[in-house]
């Protein structure tokens, strides 16, 4: 069964409100921006893997 775009947006908005709880919006945006950045880096480096060697992080091709 297909879901309508308005239902999806409503569900996402309610989920965000529930996760945010009593947190101020200015604090919550920091978490959202970090998640968006991680998603961007993940998409950008698809097909690569990140290797952690002590204090150095290297991106290696597979």
N, C-alpha and C. Protein backbone atom coordinates (compact mmCIF):
# COMPACT_ATOMS: atom_id res chain seq x y z
N UNK A 1 0.84 -1.18 0.00
CA UNK A 1 0.00 0.00 0.00
C UNK A 1 0.88 1.24 0.00
N UNK A 2 0.65 2.13 -0.93
CA UNK A 2 1.44 3.35 -1.05
C UNK A 2 1.03 4.36 0.03
N UNK A 3 2.00 5.11 0.49
CA UNK A 3 1.74 6.13 1.50
C UNK A 3 1.78 7.49 0.82
N UNK A 4 0.90 8.37 1.23
CA UNK A 4 0.85 9.71 0.64
C UNK A 4 1.99 10.54 1.20
N UNK A 5 2.45 11.48 0.37
CA UNK A 5 3.54 12.35 0.78
C UNK A 5 3.18 13.13 2.04
N UNK A 6 1.96 13.62 2.13
CA UNK A 6 1.55 14.39 3.30
C UNK A 6 1.56 13.53 4.56
N UNK A 7 1.19 12.25 4.44
CA UNK A 7 1.23 11.35 5.58
C UNK A 7 2.67 11.08 6.02
N UNK A 8 3.55 10.93 5.04
CA UNK A 8 4.96 10.71 5.34
C UNK A 8 5.55 11.92 6.06
N UNK A 9 5.30 13.12 5.54
CA UNK A 9 5.81 14.34 6.18
C UNK A 9 5.26 14.48 7.59
N UNK A 10 3.99 14.19 7.77
CA UNK A 10 3.37 14.28 9.08
C UNK A 10 4.00 13.30 10.06
N UNK A 11 4.23 12.09 9.60
CA UNK A 11 4.86 11.07 10.43
C UNK A 11 6.28 11.45 10.80
N UNK A 12 7.05 11.95 9.83
CA UNK A 12 8.42 12.38 10.11
C UNK A 12 8.46 13.55 11.08
N UNK A 13 7.56 14.49 10.89
CA UNK A 13 7.51 15.67 11.76
C UNK A 13 7.17 15.25 13.20
N UNK A 14 6.19 14.36 13.35
CA UNK A 14 5.83 13.87 14.68
C UNK A 14 6.98 13.10 15.33
N UNK A 15 7.71 12.32 14.54
CA UNK A 15 8.86 11.59 15.06
C UNK A 15 9.94 12.54 15.56
N UNK A 16 10.19 13.58 14.80
CA UNK A 16 11.19 14.57 15.21
C UNK A 16 10.78 15.27 16.49
N UNK A 17 9.51 15.62 16.60
CA UNK A 17 9.02 16.26 17.82
C UNK A 17 9.17 15.33 19.02
N UNK A 18 8.90 14.04 18.80
CA UNK A 18 9.00 13.07 19.89
C UNK A 18 10.46 12.88 20.31
N UNK A 19 11.37 12.83 19.35
CA UNK A 19 12.79 12.68 19.67
C UNK A 19 13.34 13.91 20.37
N UNK A 20 12.88 15.06 19.96
CA UNK A 20 13.38 16.32 20.52
C UNK A 20 12.97 16.45 21.97
N UNK A 21 11.78 16.00 22.30
CA UNK A 21 11.30 16.08 23.68
C UNK A 21 11.27 17.52 24.17
N UNK A 22 11.87 17.77 25.33
CA UNK A 22 11.89 19.11 25.91
C UNK A 22 13.09 19.93 25.50
N UNK A 23 13.88 19.42 24.57
CA UNK A 23 15.10 20.11 24.15
C UNK A 23 14.75 21.36 23.33
N UNK A 24 15.51 22.40 23.54
CA UNK A 24 15.33 23.63 22.79
C UNK A 24 15.70 23.40 21.32
N UNK A 25 14.99 24.04 20.41
CA UNK A 25 15.23 23.86 18.98
C UNK A 25 16.65 24.22 18.59
N UNK A 26 17.25 25.21 19.24
CA UNK A 26 18.62 25.61 18.89
C UNK A 26 19.62 24.51 19.24
N UNK A 27 19.34 23.71 20.26
CA UNK A 27 20.20 22.58 20.60
C UNK A 27 19.92 21.40 19.66
N UNK A 28 18.68 21.19 19.35
CA UNK A 28 18.27 20.06 18.52
C UNK A 28 18.86 20.16 17.11
N UNK A 29 18.95 21.39 16.60
CA UNK A 29 19.48 21.56 15.23
C UNK A 29 20.92 21.09 15.13
N UNK A 30 21.68 21.17 16.21
CA UNK A 30 23.06 20.69 16.19
C UNK A 30 23.10 19.19 15.90
N UNK A 31 22.21 18.44 16.53
CA UNK A 31 22.16 17.00 16.30
C UNK A 31 21.72 16.69 14.86
N UNK A 32 20.75 17.41 14.38
CA UNK A 32 20.25 17.18 13.02
C UNK A 32 21.33 17.51 11.99
N UNK A 33 22.04 18.61 12.18
CA UNK A 33 23.09 18.98 11.25
C UNK A 33 24.22 17.95 11.23
N UNK A 34 24.56 17.40 12.38
CA UNK A 34 25.58 16.36 12.44
C UNK A 34 25.12 15.12 11.68
N UNK A 35 23.86 14.72 11.87
CA UNK A 35 23.35 13.56 11.15
C UNK A 35 23.33 13.79 9.65
N UNK A 36 22.96 14.99 9.23
CA UNK A 36 22.97 15.31 7.80
C UNK A 36 24.39 15.27 7.24
N UNK A 37 25.35 15.77 8.01
CA UNK A 37 26.74 15.74 7.57
C UNK A 37 27.25 14.31 7.44
N UNK A 38 26.93 13.47 8.42
CA UNK A 38 27.35 12.07 8.37
C UNK A 38 26.73 11.37 7.16
N UNK A 39 25.47 11.65 6.89
CA UNK A 39 24.80 11.07 5.72
C UNK A 39 25.48 11.53 4.43
N UNK A 40 25.84 12.82 4.36
CA UNK A 40 26.52 13.35 3.18
C UNK A 40 27.87 12.65 2.97
N UNK A 41 28.66 12.54 4.04
CA UNK A 41 29.97 11.89 3.93
C UNK A 41 29.81 10.43 3.55
N UNK A 42 28.82 9.77 4.11
CA UNK A 42 28.57 8.38 3.80
C UNK A 42 28.22 8.20 2.32
N UNK A 43 27.34 9.04 1.81
CA UNK A 43 26.96 8.96 0.40
C UNK A 43 28.13 9.32 -0.51
N UNK A 44 28.90 10.28 -0.10
CA UNK A 44 30.02 10.76 -0.92
C UNK A 44 31.11 9.70 -1.03
N UNK A 45 31.31 8.94 0.03
CA UNK A 45 32.39 7.95 0.07
C UNK A 45 31.88 6.53 -0.08
N UNK A 46 30.75 6.37 -0.74
CA UNK A 46 30.22 5.03 -0.97
C UNK A 46 31.22 4.26 -1.81
N UNK A 47 31.50 3.05 -1.41
CA UNK A 47 32.49 2.25 -2.12
C UNK A 47 33.87 2.36 -1.48
N UNK A 48 34.00 3.20 -0.49
CA UNK A 48 35.26 3.32 0.25
C UNK A 48 35.00 2.86 1.68
N UNK A 49 36.06 2.63 2.39
CA UNK A 49 35.90 2.31 3.80
C UNK A 49 36.83 3.19 4.60
N UNK A 50 36.42 3.49 5.80
CA UNK A 50 37.22 4.33 6.67
C UNK A 50 38.00 3.44 7.63
N UNK A 51 39.31 3.65 7.68
CA UNK A 51 40.18 2.86 8.53
C UNK A 51 40.71 3.76 9.63
N UNK A 52 40.53 3.34 10.88
CA UNK A 52 41.03 4.09 12.01
C UNK A 52 42.32 3.44 12.49
N UNK A 53 43.39 4.21 12.49
CA UNK A 53 44.68 3.72 12.96
C UNK A 53 45.17 4.69 14.02
N UNK A 54 44.97 4.34 15.27
CA UNK A 54 45.28 5.18 16.41
C UNK A 54 44.60 6.55 16.25
N UNK A 55 45.35 7.61 16.01
CA UNK A 55 44.77 8.95 15.91
C UNK A 55 44.56 9.40 14.47
N UNK A 56 44.78 8.50 13.51
CA UNK A 56 44.70 8.87 12.09
C UNK A 56 43.51 8.15 11.46
N UNK A 57 42.72 8.89 10.70
CA UNK A 57 41.59 8.30 9.99
C UNK A 57 41.89 8.36 8.50
N UNK A 58 41.93 7.23 7.86
CA UNK A 58 42.23 7.15 6.44
C UNK A 58 41.03 6.62 5.67
N UNK A 59 40.77 7.17 4.50
CA UNK A 59 39.72 6.66 3.64
C UNK A 59 40.40 5.84 2.55
N UNK A 60 40.08 4.56 2.49
CA UNK A 60 40.73 3.63 1.57
C UNK A 60 39.73 3.15 0.53
N UNK A 61 40.17 3.03 -0.71
CA UNK A 61 39.33 2.46 -1.76
C UNK A 61 39.27 0.96 -1.56
N UNK A 62 38.13 0.38 -1.90
CA UNK A 62 37.98 -1.08 -1.78
C UNK A 62 38.50 -1.75 -3.00
